Amino acid sequence: MAIRLVEAPDYKGDAGIQAMRSVQQAMTAALEAEEWSRVRHLDRVCLLLIDRVIAENRDNKAIVISALGELKGVYAELLAQCQREVTLLQAT
């Protein structure tokens, strides 16, 4: 017998997209604040979330493409920020 205190999250359709957007917004805020430990944590959360969204939306490729397309922008900014940090470190 399992006890469940909260409903299992729904990752199908728009609910999955909203979950991805929530993590993306948190990651963007952490990136802007240069909270690197939070960025690392959210990156791990995002990895798990991507797996769940893909699994729940195997029959709806458009949802998966949309979620991953939006996420791509966040990671592009993360890479750009990392490059800026490396450049600053090399300059000093």
C-alpha atoms as a PDB file:
ATOM      1  CA  MET A   1       0.000   0.000   0.000  1.00  0.00           C
ATOM      2  CA  ALA A   2       1.400   3.375  -1.038  1.00  0.00           C
ATOM      3  CA  ILE A   3       0.497   6.643   0.598  1.00  0.00           C
ATOM      4  CA  ARG A   4       0.442   9.641  -1.700  1.00  0.00           C
ATOM      5  CA  LEU A   5       0.097  13.069  -0.136  1.00  0.00           C
ATOM      6  CA  VAL A   6       0.005  15.025  -3.391  1.00  0.00           C
ATOM      7  CA  GLU A   7      -1.138  14.257  -6.897  1.00  0.00           C
ATOM      8  CA  ALA A   8       1.531  13.118  -9.333  1.00  0.00           C
ATOM      9  CA  PRO A   9       2.417  15.967 -11.691  1.00  0.00           C
ATOM     10  CA  ASP A  10       0.946  15.898 -15.168  1.00  0.00           C
ATOM     11  CA  TYR A  11       3.433  16.371 -18.000  1.00  0.00           C
ATOM     12  CA  LYS A  12       1.083  15.764 -20.908  1.00  0.00           C
ATOM     13  CA  GLY A  13       0.284  18.575 -23.334  1.00  0.00           C
ATOM     14  CA  ASP A  14       0.206  22.140 -22.043  1.00  0.00           C
ATOM     15  CA  ALA A  15       0.972  21.031 -18.485  1.00  0.00           C
ATOM     16  CA  GLY A  16       4.347  19.725 -19.655  1.00  0.00           C
ATOM     17  CA  ILE A  17       5.061  22.946 -21.529  1.00  0.00           C
ATOM     18  CA  GLN A  18       4.163  24.997 -18.449  1.00  0.00           C
ATOM     19  CA  ALA A  19       6.450  22.885 -16.259  1.00  0.00           C
ATOM     20  CA  MET A  20       9.303  23.430 -18.724  1.00  0.00           C
ATOM     21  CA  ARG A  21       8.635  27.177 -18.832  1.00  0.00           C
ATOM     22  CA  SER A  22       8.689  27.353 -15.059  1.00  0.00           C
ATOM     23  CA  VAL A  23      12.116  25.715 -14.909  1.00  0.00           C
ATOM     24  CA  GLN A  24      13.336  27.887 -17.787  1.00  0.00           C
ATOM     25  CA  GLN A  25      12.263  31.062 -15.999  1.00  0.00           C
ATOM     26  CA  ALA A  26      13.958  29.956 -12.792  1.00  0.00           C
ATOM     27  CA  MET A  27      17.105  29.049 -14.700  1.00  0.00           C
ATOM     28  CA  THR A  28      17.128  32.395 -16.516  1.00  0.00           C
ATOM     29  CA  ALA A  29      16.757  34.252 -13.204  1.00  0.00           C
ATOM     30  CA  ALA A  30      19.553  32.212 -11.622  1.00  0.00           C
ATOM     31  CA  LEU A  31      21.760  32.832 -14.644  1.00  0.00           C
ATOM     32  CA  GLU A  32      21.143  36.584 -14.538  1.00  0.00           C
ATOM     33  CA  ALA A  33      21.908  36.613 -10.806  1.00  0.00           C
ATOM     34  CA  GLU A  34      24.997  34.441 -11.407  1.00  0.00           C
ATOM     35  CA  GLU A  35      23.739  31.905  -8.871  1.00  0.00           C
ATOM     36  CA  TRP A  36      25.806  29.060 -10.304  1.00  0.00           C
ATOM     37  CA  SER A  37      24.835  26.397  -7.763  1.00  0.00           C
ATOM     38  CA  ARG A  38      21.166  27.102  -8.520  1.00  0.00           C
ATOM     39  CA  VAL A  39      21.859  26.926 -12.265  1.00  0.00           C
ATOM     40  CA  ARG A  40      23.506  23.504 -11.747  1.00  0.00           C
ATOM     41  CA  HIS A  41      20.551  22.299  -9.688  1.00  0.00           C
ATOM     42  CA  LEU A  42      18.003  23.524 -12.230  1.00  0.00           C
ATOM     43  CA  ASP A  43      20.021  21.927 -15.027  1.00  0.00           C
ATOM     44  CA  ARG A  44      19.633  18.546 -13.296  1.00  0.00           C
ATOM     45  CA  VAL A  45      15.926  19.190 -12.731  1.00  0.00           C
ATOM     46  CA  CYS A  46      15.560  20.125 -16.379  1.00  0.00           C
ATOM     47  CA  LEU A  47      17.166  16.864 -17.493  1.00  0.00           C
ATOM     48  CA  LEU A  48      14.606  14.849 -15.528  1.00  0.00           C
ATOM     49  CA  LEU A  49      11.760  17.059 -16.678  1.00  0.00           C
ATOM     50  CA  ILE A  50      12.710  16.670 -20.336  1.00  0.00           C
ATOM     51  CA  ASP A  51      12.593  12.885 -19.965  1.00  0.00           C
ATOM     52  CA  ARG A  52       9.134  13.066 -18.404  1.00  0.00           C
ATOM     53  CA  VAL A  53       7.732  15.493 -20.969  1.00  0.00           C
ATOM     54  CA  ILE A  54       9.034  13.345 -23.835  1.00  0.00           C
ATOM     55  CA  ALA A  55       7.646  10.173 -22.260  1.00  0.00           C
ATOM     56  CA  GLU A  56       4.205  11.692 -21.671  1.00  0.00           C
ATOM     57  CA  ASN A  57       3.965  13.232 -25.127  1.00  0.00           C
ATOM     58  CA  ARG A  58       5.266  10.505 -27.411  1.00  0.00           C
ATOM     59  CA  ASP A  59       2.093  10.807 -29.467  1.00  0.00           C
ATOM     60  CA  ASN A  60       2.371  14.608 -29.770  1.00  0.00           C
ATOM     61  CA  LYS A  61       5.717  15.507 -31.307  1.00  0.00           C
ATOM     62  CA  ALA A  62       4.701  19.170 -31.657  1.00  0.00           C
ATOM     63  CA  ILE A  63       4.572  19.558 -27.854  1.00  0.00           C
ATOM     64  CA  VAL A  64       8.014  18.003 -27.476  1.00  0.00           C
ATOM     65  CA  ILE A  65       9.483  20.160 -30.255  1.00  0.00           C
ATOM     66  CA  SER A  66       7.958  23.286 -28.738  1.00  0.00           C
ATOM     67  CA  ALA A  67       9.285  22.527 -25.249  1.00  0.00           C
ATOM     68  CA  LEU A  68      12.771  21.730 -26.493  1.00  0.00           C
ATOM     69  CA  GLY A  69      12.819  24.712 -28.848  1.00  0.00           C
ATOM     70  CA  GLU A  70      12.116  27.135 -26.026  1.00  0.00           C
ATOM     71  CA  LEU A  71      14.665  25.421 -23.820  1.00  0.00           C
ATOM     72  CA  LYS A  72      17.331  25.753 -26.493  1.00  0.00           C
ATOM     73  CA  GLY A  73      17.314  29.525 -26.037  1.00  0.00           C
ATOM     74  CA  VAL A  74      17.977  29.243 -22.305  1.00  0.00           C
ATOM     75  CA  TYR A  75      20.949  26.950 -22.873  1.00  0.00           C
ATOM     76  CA  ALA A  76      22.278  29.218 -25.638  1.00  0.00           C
ATOM     77  CA  GLU A  77      22.288  32.088 -23.139  1.00  0.00           C
ATOM     78  CA  LEU A  78      23.934  29.862 -20.528  1.00  0.00           C
ATOM     79  CA  LEU A  79      26.720  28.991 -22.962  1.00  0.00           C
ATOM     80  CA  ALA A  80      27.164  32.653 -23.899  1.00  0.00           C
ATOM     81  CA  GLN A  81      27.397  33.615 -20.226  1.00  0.00           C
ATOM     82  CA  CYS A  82      29.980  30.895 -19.605  1.00  0.00           C
ATOM     83  CA  GLN A  83      32.013  32.180 -22.548  1.00  0.00           C
ATOM     84  CA  ARG A  84      31.878  35.711 -21.137  1.00  0.00           C
ATOM     85  CA  GLU A  85      33.050  34.429 -17.749  1.00  0.00           C
ATOM     86  CA  VAL A  86      35.968  32.553 -19.325  1.00  0.00           C
ATOM     87  CA  THR A  87      36.935  35.619 -21.338  1.00  0.00           C
ATOM     88  CA  LEU A  88      36.920  37.764 -18.186  1.00  0.00           C
ATOM     89  CA  LEU A  89      39.043  35.228 -16.322  1.00  0.00           C
ATOM     90  CA  GLN A  90      41.560  35.078 -19.143  1.00  0.00           C
ATOM     91  CA  ALA A  91      41.779  38.863 -19.276  1.00  0.00           C
ATOM     92  CA  THR A  92      42.767  39.145 -15.607  1.00  0.00           C
END
